């Protein structure tokens, strides 16, 4: 029982600890465990045509909800622009 309570407390604290990532070259603070989808929501970019790379790897939109951000990740968000 005590172990379960301690585990629950540790999980609760971890959910609220801030961590730093690099977002388009600048330091940006997110909550530990935030996903790419969470970040895009915070940036109010959900309805935009954008691409996201984490540590130089393009992350498909289908993986944004499951891809958690880690401390010191380098995240690039770029706007998709059509051309011809």
C-alpha atoms as a PDB file:
ATOM      1  CA  UNK A   1       0.000   0.000   0.000  1.00  0.00           C
ATOM      2  CA  UNK A   2       2.752   2.477   0.936  1.00  0.00           C
ATOM      3  CA  UNK A   3       4.592   1.576  -2.269  1.00  0.00           C
ATOM      4  CA  UNK A   4       1.472   2.298  -4.328  1.00  0.00           C
ATOM      5  CA  UNK A   5       1.014   5.681  -2.646  1.00  0.00           C
ATOM      6  CA  UNK A   6       4.661   6.591  -3.179  1.00  0.00           C
ATOM      7  CA  UNK A   7       4.428   5.545  -6.819  1.00  0.00           C
ATOM      8  CA  UNK A   8       1.280   7.626  -7.320  1.00  0.00           C
ATOM      9  CA  UNK A   9       2.934  10.688  -5.734  1.00  0.00           C
ATOM     10  CA  UNK A  10       6.060  10.260  -7.882  1.00  0.00           C
ATOM     11  CA  UNK A  11       3.951   9.984 -11.050  1.00  0.00           C
ATOM     12  CA  UNK A  12       1.950  13.078 -10.090  1.00  0.00           C
ATOM     13  CA  UNK A  13       5.116  15.112  -9.488  1.00  0.00           C
ATOM     14  CA  UNK A  14       6.685  13.919 -12.740  1.00  0.00           C
ATOM     15  CA  UNK A  15       3.618  15.105 -14.659  1.00  0.00           C
ATOM     16  CA  UNK A  16       4.223  18.664 -13.480  1.00  0.00           C
ATOM     17  CA  UNK A  17       7.987  18.995 -13.800  1.00  0.00           C
ATOM     18  CA  UNK A  18       9.103  21.368 -16.506  1.00  0.00           C
ATOM     19  CA  UNK A  19      11.797  20.421 -18.962  1.00  0.00           C
ATOM     20  CA  UNK A  20      13.591  22.423 -21.625  1.00  0.00           C
ATOM     21  CA  UNK A  21      13.602  21.673 -25.327  1.00  0.00           C
ATOM     22  CA  UNK A  22      15.060  23.656 -28.182  1.00  0.00           C
ATOM     23  CA  UNK A  23      12.240  24.928 -30.387  1.00  0.00           C
ATOM     24  CA  UNK A  24      13.321  26.396 -33.722  1.00  0.00           C
ATOM     25  CA  UNK A  25      16.671  27.342 -32.178  1.00  0.00           C
ATOM     26  CA  UNK A  26      15.376  28.865 -28.922  1.00  0.00           C
ATOM     27  CA  UNK A  27      14.986  27.361 -25.464  1.00  0.00           C
ATOM     28  CA  UNK A  28      11.359  26.518 -24.746  1.00  0.00           C
ATOM     29  CA  UNK A  29       9.922  25.014 -21.577  1.00  0.00           C
ATOM     30  CA  UNK A  30       7.348  22.208 -21.658  1.00  0.00           C
ATOM     31  CA  UNK A  31       5.861  19.960 -19.014  1.00  0.00           C
ATOM     32  CA  UNK A  32       7.623  16.647 -18.684  1.00  0.00           C
ATOM     33  CA  UNK A  33       5.785  14.034 -20.704  1.00  0.00           C
ATOM     34  CA  UNK A  34       4.296  16.491 -23.191  1.00  0.00           C
ATOM     35  CA  UNK A  35       3.837  15.065 -26.651  1.00  0.00           C
ATOM     36  CA  UNK A  36       4.400  16.767 -29.980  1.00  0.00           C
ATOM     37  CA  UNK A  37       0.627  17.102 -30.220  1.00  0.00           C
ATOM     38  CA  UNK A  38       0.572  18.885 -26.839  1.00  0.00           C
ATOM     39  CA  UNK A  39       3.273  21.272 -28.047  1.00  0.00           C
ATOM     40  CA  UNK A  40       1.445  22.022 -31.299  1.00  0.00           C
ATOM     41  CA  UNK A  41      -1.691  22.778 -29.272  1.00  0.00           C
ATOM     42  CA  UNK A  42       0.229  25.112 -26.951  1.00  0.00           C
ATOM     43  CA  UNK A  43       1.572  26.931 -30.005  1.00  0.00           C
ATOM     44  CA  UNK A  44      -1.963  27.155 -31.474  1.00  0.00           C
ATOM     45  CA  UNK A  45      -0.825  25.469 -34.683  1.00  0.00           C
ATOM     46  CA  UNK A  46      -3.242  22.517 -34.871  1.00  0.00           C
ATOM     47  CA  UNK A  47      -5.050  23.790 -37.962  1.00  0.00           C
ATOM     48  CA  UNK A  48      -1.888  24.837 -39.814  1.00  0.00           C
ATOM     49  CA  UNK A  49      -0.049  22.982 -42.551  1.00  0.00           C
ATOM     50  CA  UNK A  50       3.150  22.261 -40.679  1.00  0.00           C
ATOM     51  CA  UNK A  51       5.863  19.651 -40.430  1.00  0.00           C
ATOM     52  CA  UNK A  52       7.662  18.704 -37.225  1.00  0.00           C
ATOM     53  CA  UNK A  53      11.147  17.286 -36.824  1.00  0.00           C
ATOM     54  CA  UNK A  54      12.629  16.096 -33.544  1.00  0.00           C
ATOM     55  CA  UNK A  55      16.390  15.758 -33.460  1.00  0.00           C
ATOM     56  CA  UNK A  56      16.464  16.108 -37.262  1.00  0.00           C
ATOM     57  CA  UNK A  57      13.934  13.294 -37.818  1.00  0.00           C
ATOM     58  CA  UNK A  58      10.596  14.180 -39.430  1.00  0.00           C
ATOM     59  CA  UNK A  59       7.754  12.897 -37.258  1.00  0.00           C
ATOM     60  CA  UNK A  60       4.593  11.921 -39.158  1.00  0.00           C
ATOM     61  CA  UNK A  61       1.440  13.653 -37.931  1.00  0.00           C
ATOM     62  CA  UNK A  62       0.019  10.212 -37.094  1.00  0.00           C
ATOM     63  CA  UNK A  63       2.706   9.871 -34.387  1.00  0.00           C
ATOM     64  CA  UNK A  64       2.361  13.294 -32.754  1.00  0.00           C
ATOM     65  CA  UNK A  65       0.032  12.066 -30.006  1.00  0.00           C
ATOM     66  CA  UNK A  66       2.355   9.230 -29.005  1.00  0.00           C
ATOM     67  CA  UNK A  67       5.748  10.944 -29.404  1.00  0.00           C
ATOM     68  CA  UNK A  68       6.795  12.350 -26.019  1.00  0.00           C
ATOM     69  CA  UNK A  69       9.291  15.174 -25.880  1.00  0.00           C
ATOM     70  CA  UNK A  70      12.467  14.594 -23.896  1.00  0.00           C
ATOM     71  CA  UNK A  71      14.741  17.086 -22.167  1.00  0.00           C
ATOM     72  CA  UNK A  72      17.031  18.849 -24.649  1.00  0.00           C
ATOM     73  CA  UNK A  73      15.176  17.575 -27.733  1.00  0.00           C
ATOM     74  CA  UNK A  74      15.737  19.800 -30.736  1.00  0.00           C
ATOM     75  CA  UNK A  75      12.316  20.457 -32.248  1.00  0.00           C
ATOM     76  CA  UNK A  76      11.811  22.225 -35.557  1.00  0.00           C
ATOM     77  CA  UNK A  77       8.332  23.288 -36.608  1.00  0.00           C
ATOM     78  CA  UNK A  78       8.127  24.506 -40.167  1.00  0.00           C
ATOM     79  CA  UNK A  79       5.243  25.704 -42.228  1.00  0.00           C
ATOM     80  CA  UNK A  80       4.523  23.792 -45.396  1.00  0.00           C
ATOM     81  CA  UNK A  81       4.389  26.125 -48.388  1.00  0.00           C
ATOM     82  CA  UNK A  82       3.231  24.972 -51.782  1.00  0.00           C
ATOM     83  CA  UNK A  83       5.042  26.143 -54.843  1.00  0.00           C
ATOM     84  CA  UNK A  84       5.479  25.435 -58.426  1.00  0.00           C
END
